[in-house]
C-alpha atoms as a PDB file:
ATOM      1  CA  MET A   1     -50.531  38.635  85.036  1.00  0.00           C
ATOM      2  CA  GLU A   2     -51.595  42.250  85.572  1.00  0.00           C
ATOM      3  CA  LEU A   3     -53.343  43.214  88.799  1.00  0.00           C
ATOM      4  CA  LYS A   4     -55.973  45.939  88.724  1.00  0.00           C
ATOM      5  CA  THR A   5     -57.699  48.000  91.383  1.00  0.00           C
ATOM      6  CA  VAL A   6     -61.453  47.757  91.494  1.00  0.00           C
ATOM      7  CA  SER A   7     -63.942  50.080  93.144  1.00  0.00           C
ATOM      8  CA  THR A   8     -65.058  48.503  96.406  1.00  0.00           C
ATOM      9  CA  CYS A   9     -65.872  49.786  99.861  1.00  0.00           C
ATOM     10  CA  ILE A  10     -62.271  49.060 100.849  1.00  0.00           C
ATOM     11  CA  ASN A  11     -60.965  51.980  98.768  1.00  0.00           C
ATOM     12  CA  CYS A  12     -63.874  54.365  99.415  1.00  0.00           C
ATOM     13  CA  GLU A  13     -63.464  57.555 101.392  1.00  0.00           C
ATOM     14  CA  ASN A  14     -66.603  56.675 103.372  1.00  0.00           C
ATOM     15  CA  LEU A  15     -64.894  53.677 105.008  1.00  0.00           C
ATOM     16  CA  VAL A  16     -64.037  54.191 108.693  1.00  0.00           C
ATOM     17  CA  LYS A  17     -62.746  51.965 111.519  1.00  0.00           C
ATOM     18  CA  ASN A  18     -63.973  48.382 111.782  1.00  0.00           C
ATOM     19  CA  PHE A  19     -65.119  48.352 108.148  1.00  0.00           C
ATOM     20  CA  ILE A  20     -68.082  50.669 108.776  1.00  0.00           C
ATOM     21  CA  CYS A  21     -69.457  52.795 105.944  1.00  0.00           C
ATOM     22  CA  SER A  22     -69.852  56.281 107.429  1.00  0.00           C
ATOM     23  CA  LYS A  23     -72.418  57.260 104.790  1.00  0.00           C
ATOM     24  CA  HIS A  24     -74.757  54.284 105.264  1.00  0.00           C
ATOM     25  CA  ASP A  25     -73.790  53.244 108.802  1.00  0.00           C
ATOM     26  CA  LEU A  26     -73.333  49.622 107.715  1.00  0.00           C
ATOM     27  CA  LYS A  27     -70.542  47.094 108.134  1.00  0.00           C
ATOM     28  CA  VAL A  28     -69.006  46.372 104.715  1.00  0.00           C
ATOM     29  CA  GLY A  29     -66.623  43.817 103.289  1.00  0.00           C
ATOM     30  CA  LEU A  30     -64.210  43.211 100.441  1.00  0.00           C
ATOM     31  CA  TYR A  31     -66.915  42.672  97.853  1.00  0.00           C
ATOM     32  CA  ASN A  32     -69.304  45.511  98.703  1.00  0.00           C
ATOM     33  CA  VAL A  33     -69.738  48.648  96.610  1.00  0.00           C
ATOM     34  CA  CYS A  34     -72.534  51.149  96.090  1.00  0.00           C
ATOM     35  CA  ASP A  35     -73.458  54.165  93.955  1.00  0.00           C
ATOM     36  CA  SER A  36     -72.077  56.508  96.646  1.00  0.00           C
ATOM     37  CA  HIS A  37     -68.549  55.095  96.246  1.00  0.00           C
ATOM     38  CA  ILE A  38     -65.894  57.811  96.185  1.00  0.00           C
ATOM     39  CA  GLN A  39     -62.481  56.306  95.533  1.00  0.00           C
ATOM     40  CA  THR A  40     -59.703  57.487  97.766  1.00  0.00           C
ATOM     41  CA  ASP A  41     -55.973  56.895  97.744  1.00  0.00           C
ATOM     42  CA  SER A  42     -55.725  53.172  98.293  1.00  0.00           C
ATOM     43  CA  LEU A  43     -53.105  51.030  99.896  1.00  0.00           C
ATOM     44  CA  THR A  44     -50.098  49.983  97.910  1.00  0.00           C
ATOM     45  CA  LYS A  45     -47.049  47.801  98.568  1.00  0.00           C
ATOM     46  CA  GLN A  46     -45.307  50.959  99.804  1.00  0.00           C
ATOM     47  CA  SER A  47     -48.011  51.885 102.349  1.00  0.00           C
ATOM     48  CA  ASN A  48     -46.768  51.736 105.955  1.00  0.00           C
ATOM     49  CA  CYS A  49     -46.624  53.794 109.110  1.00  0.00           C
ATOM     50  CA  LEU A  50     -43.769  55.974 107.838  1.00  0.00           C
ATOM     51  CA  ASN A  51     -45.894  57.425 105.012  1.00  0.00           C
ATOM     52  CA  CYS A  52     -49.097  57.697 107.058  1.00  0.00           C
ATOM     53  CA  SER A  53     -50.360  61.192 107.877  1.00  0.00           C
ATOM     54  CA  PHE A  54     -50.976  60.092 111.497  1.00  0.00           C
ATOM     55  CA  TYR A  55     -47.460  58.698 112.118  1.00  0.00           C
ATOM     56  CA  GLY A  56     -45.761  60.321 115.097  1.00  0.00           C
ATOM     57  CA  GLY A  57     -48.766  62.476 115.941  1.00  0.00           C
ATOM     58  CA  SER A  58     -51.287  62.411 118.743  1.00  0.00           C
ATOM     59  CA  SER A  59     -53.960  61.016 116.401  1.00  0.00           C
ATOM     60  CA  CYS A  60     -52.003  57.813 115.686  1.00  0.00           C
ATOM     61  CA  ALA A  61     -54.278  54.922 116.729  1.00  0.00           C
ATOM     62  CA  ASN A  62     -51.381  52.557 117.558  1.00  0.00           C
ATOM     63  CA  PRO A  63     -48.384  54.660 118.650  1.00  0.00           C
ATOM     64  CA  GLU A  64     -46.668  51.741 120.454  1.00  0.00           C
ATOM     65  CA  ASP A  65     -46.781  49.570 117.340  1.00  0.00           C
ATOM     66  CA  ALA A  66     -46.237  52.174 114.618  1.00  0.00           C
ATOM     67  CA  ALA A  67     -42.992  51.493 112.761  1.00  0.00           C
ATOM     68  CA  GLU A  68     -41.519  51.073 109.317  1.00  0.00           C
ATOM     69  CA  GLY A  69     -43.232  48.171 107.541  1.00  0.00           C
ATOM     70  CA  MET A  70     -46.282  48.213 109.825  1.00  0.00           C
ATOM     71  CA  LEU A  71     -49.741  49.170 108.644  1.00  0.00           C
ATOM     72  CA  CYS A  72     -53.174  49.515 110.253  1.00  0.00           C
ATOM     73  CA  PHE A  73     -56.702  50.307 109.120  1.00  0.00           C
ATOM     74  CA  ASP A  74     -56.311  53.977 110.097  1.00  0.00           C
ATOM     75  CA  TRP A  75     -53.620  54.525 107.448  1.00  0.00           C
ATOM     76  CA  GLU A  76     -54.027  57.708 105.411  1.00  0.00           C
ATOM     77  CA  PRO A  77     -51.461  58.917 102.876  1.00  0.00           C
ATOM     78  CA  SER A  78     -49.182  61.724 103.988  1.00  0.00           C
ATOM     79  CA  LYS A  79     -50.241  65.102 102.707  1.00  0.00           C
ATOM     80  CA  SER A  80     -46.665  66.023 101.738  1.00  0.00           C
END
């Protein structure tokens, strides 16, 4: 079986904390998508705190919990 990524609000650059769409100011879910969708780097099996751009910085939302293998909804890919 081959898994595929689909365009939903979950992998849109407009998604912010608590599943809020920053463009439409609406709470979204797994099955929502709209014409304003702009796909961003999505989560993979390798996504975790160690490859998050916020890890170890003052903007990390969960500094006490951040560790290898952990992941939160603020994850953004490292720019490196």
